[in-house]
Amino acid sequence: MLRLYTDASVTTGVSKHLQAAALSEEQRKHVLAALDAALTDAFYTLLLSLDGAASLSGEQHQFNLTDEAGNLIANGDGSLEEAAWSTFQGSAV
């Protein structure tokens, strides 16, 4: 998503705001770092919520996730949490 927001050939609501801000290169670097951190936190928390390891909207549940063919992807056993940590934080649990 961050690449999409910063791609000059693509127009999104976020990219419009970034362009309108007319940031210096140093400011842009800091704003993009903040956006990257926010997106990482949001996606990581969402995946943990689906795995039952974090609450979403004040409620905590475990979900069964399946692919289009009905094959189980995750069932709240921590596998999604482990994959999310590895992906977003850079090392396995």
C-alpha atoms as a PDB file:
ATOM      1  CA  MET A   1       0.000   0.000   0.000  1.00  0.00           C
ATOM      2  CA  LEU A   2       2.837   2.367   0.779  1.00  0.00           C
ATOM      3  CA  ARG A   3       4.228   1.891  -2.743  1.00  0.00           C
ATOM      4  CA  LEU A   4       0.785   2.603  -4.139  1.00  0.00           C
ATOM      5  CA  TYR A   5       0.524   5.791  -2.093  1.00  0.00           C
ATOM      6  CA  THR A   6       3.912   7.022  -3.302  1.00  0.00           C
ATOM      7  CA  ASP A   7       3.599   6.026  -6.973  1.00  0.00           C
ATOM      8  CA  ALA A   8       3.319   9.248  -8.969  1.00  0.00           C
ATOM      9  CA  SER A   9       1.441   7.464 -11.756  1.00  0.00           C
ATOM     10  CA  VAL A  10      -1.375   6.339  -9.423  1.00  0.00           C
ATOM     11  CA  THR A  11      -3.898   8.690  -7.843  1.00  0.00           C
ATOM     12  CA  THR A  12      -5.220   7.781  -4.413  1.00  0.00           C
ATOM     13  CA  GLY A  13      -6.631   9.893  -1.612  1.00  0.00           C
ATOM     14  CA  VAL A  14      -3.386   9.473   0.305  1.00  0.00           C
ATOM     15  CA  SER A  15      -1.192  10.348  -2.681  1.00  0.00           C
ATOM     16  CA  LYS A  16      -3.254  13.493  -3.280  1.00  0.00           C
ATOM     17  CA  HIS A  17      -2.625  14.605   0.311  1.00  0.00           C
ATOM     18  CA  LEU A  18       1.085  13.847   0.031  1.00  0.00           C
ATOM     19  CA  GLN A  19       1.373  15.881  -3.164  1.00  0.00           C
ATOM     20  CA  ALA A  20      -0.684  18.760  -1.766  1.00  0.00           C
ATOM     21  CA  ALA A  21       1.544  18.947   1.304  1.00  0.00           C
ATOM     22  CA  ALA A  22       4.535  19.910  -0.896  1.00  0.00           C
ATOM     23  CA  LEU A  23       6.941  18.333   1.581  1.00  0.00           C
ATOM     24  CA  SER A  24      10.689  18.681   1.465  1.00  0.00           C
ATOM     25  CA  GLU A  25      12.599  15.424   0.898  1.00  0.00           C
ATOM     26  CA  GLU A  26      13.429  15.245   4.624  1.00  0.00           C
ATOM     27  CA  GLN A  27       9.799  15.823   5.630  1.00  0.00           C
ATOM     28  CA  ARG A  28       8.574  13.303   3.063  1.00  0.00           C
ATOM     29  CA  LYS A  29      10.997  10.701   4.440  1.00  0.00           C
ATOM     30  CA  HIS A  30       9.566  11.151   7.948  1.00  0.00           C
ATOM     31  CA  VAL A  31       5.929  11.158   6.805  1.00  0.00           C
ATOM     32  CA  LEU A  32       6.435   7.973   4.763  1.00  0.00           C
ATOM     33  CA  ALA A  33       8.200   6.314   7.698  1.00  0.00           C
ATOM     34  CA  ALA A  34       5.216   7.193   9.909  1.00  0.00           C
ATOM     35  CA  LEU A  35       2.767   5.844   7.310  1.00  0.00           C
ATOM     36  CA  ASP A  36       4.810   2.650   6.995  1.00  0.00           C
ATOM     37  CA  ALA A  37       4.809   2.149  10.772  1.00  0.00           C
ATOM     38  CA  ALA A  38       1.057   2.820  10.985  1.00  0.00           C
ATOM     39  CA  LEU A  39       0.248   0.373   8.177  1.00  0.00           C
ATOM     40  CA  THR A  40       2.521  -2.282   9.707  1.00  0.00           C
ATOM     41  CA  ASP A  41       0.864  -1.899  13.116  1.00  0.00           C
ATOM     42  CA  ALA A  42      -2.641  -1.952  11.633  1.00  0.00           C
ATOM     43  CA  PHE A  43      -2.107  -5.058   9.502  1.00  0.00           C
ATOM     44  CA  TYR A  44      -0.220  -6.884  12.260  1.00  0.00           C
ATOM     45  CA  THR A  45      -2.996  -6.159  14.767  1.00  0.00           C
ATOM     46  CA  LEU A  46      -5.672  -7.257  12.290  1.00  0.00           C
ATOM     47  CA  LEU A  47      -3.916 -10.578  11.673  1.00  0.00           C
ATOM     48  CA  LEU A  48      -3.453 -11.147  15.410  1.00  0.00           C
ATOM     49  CA  SER A  49      -7.148 -10.397  15.908  1.00  0.00           C
ATOM     50  CA  LEU A  50      -8.104 -13.010  13.316  1.00  0.00           C
ATOM     51  CA  ASP A  51      -5.881 -15.518  15.130  1.00  0.00           C
ATOM     52  CA  GLY A  52      -7.525 -14.765  18.485  1.00  0.00           C
ATOM     53  CA  ALA A  53      -4.363 -13.244  19.945  1.00  0.00           C
ATOM     54  CA  ALA A  54      -5.647  -9.650  20.076  1.00  0.00           C
ATOM     55  CA  SER A  55      -8.980  -7.895  20.371  1.00  0.00           C
ATOM     56  CA  LEU A  56     -10.707  -6.104  17.537  1.00  0.00           C
ATOM     57  CA  SER A  57     -13.289  -3.465  18.493  1.00  0.00           C
ATOM     58  CA  GLY A  58     -13.011  -4.535  22.118  1.00  0.00           C
ATOM     59  CA  GLU A  59     -13.811  -8.204  21.479  1.00  0.00           C
ATOM     60  CA  GLN A  60     -11.456 -11.136  21.176  1.00  0.00           C
ATOM     61  CA  HIS A  61     -12.389 -14.243  19.172  1.00  0.00           C
ATOM     62  CA  GLN A  62     -10.642 -16.998  17.258  1.00  0.00           C
ATOM     63  CA  PHE A  63     -11.622 -17.373  13.611  1.00  0.00           C
ATOM     64  CA  ASN A  64     -11.288 -20.207  11.146  1.00  0.00           C
ATOM     65  CA  LEU A  65      -9.851 -18.886   7.897  1.00  0.00           C
ATOM     66  CA  THR A  66     -10.269 -20.935   4.733  1.00  0.00           C
ATOM     67  CA  ASP A  67      -9.286 -20.509   1.122  1.00  0.00           C
ATOM     68  CA  GLU A  68     -11.725 -20.538  -1.802  1.00  0.00           C
ATOM     69  CA  ALA A  69     -11.764 -24.356  -1.825  1.00  0.00           C
ATOM     70  CA  GLY A  70     -12.584 -24.589   1.868  1.00  0.00           C
ATOM     71  CA  ASN A  71      -9.078 -25.629   2.936  1.00  0.00           C
ATOM     72  CA  LEU A  72      -8.182 -24.444   6.423  1.00  0.00           C
ATOM     73  CA  ILE A  73      -5.558 -21.691   6.472  1.00  0.00           C
ATOM     74  CA  ALA A  74      -5.650 -20.782  10.168  1.00  0.00           C
ATOM     75  CA  ASN A  75      -7.794 -21.765  13.133  1.00  0.00           C
ATOM     76  CA  GLY A  76      -6.653 -19.626  16.037  1.00  0.00           C
ATOM     77  CA  ASP A  77      -3.812 -21.949  17.008  1.00  0.00           C
ATOM     78  CA  GLY A  78      -1.156 -19.211  16.810  1.00  0.00           C
ATOM     79  CA  SER A  79       0.091 -20.062  13.312  1.00  0.00           C
ATOM     80  CA  LEU A  80      -1.226 -16.812  11.874  1.00  0.00           C
ATOM     81  CA  GLU A  81       0.314 -14.851  14.739  1.00  0.00           C
ATOM     82  CA  GLU A  82       3.682 -16.498  14.084  1.00  0.00           C
ATOM     83  CA  ALA A  83       3.521 -15.784  10.339  1.00  0.00           C
ATOM     84  CA  ALA A  84       2.457 -12.180  10.992  1.00  0.00           C
ATOM     85  CA  TRP A  85       5.345 -11.639  13.409  1.00  0.00           C
ATOM     86  CA  SER A  86       7.830 -13.090  10.950  1.00  0.00           C
ATOM     87  CA  THR A  87       6.469 -10.983   8.085  1.00  0.00           C
ATOM     88  CA  PHE A  88       6.009  -7.668   9.863  1.00  0.00           C
ATOM     89  CA  GLN A  89       8.711  -7.778  12.515  1.00  0.00           C
ATOM     90  CA  GLY A  90      11.374  -9.615  10.542  1.00  0.00           C
ATOM     91  CA  SER A  91      12.014 -12.701  12.655  1.00  0.00           C
ATOM     92  CA  ALA A  92      10.118 -15.801  13.728  1.00  0.00           C
ATOM     93  CA  VAL A  93       8.644 -16.186  17.192  1.00  0.00           C
END
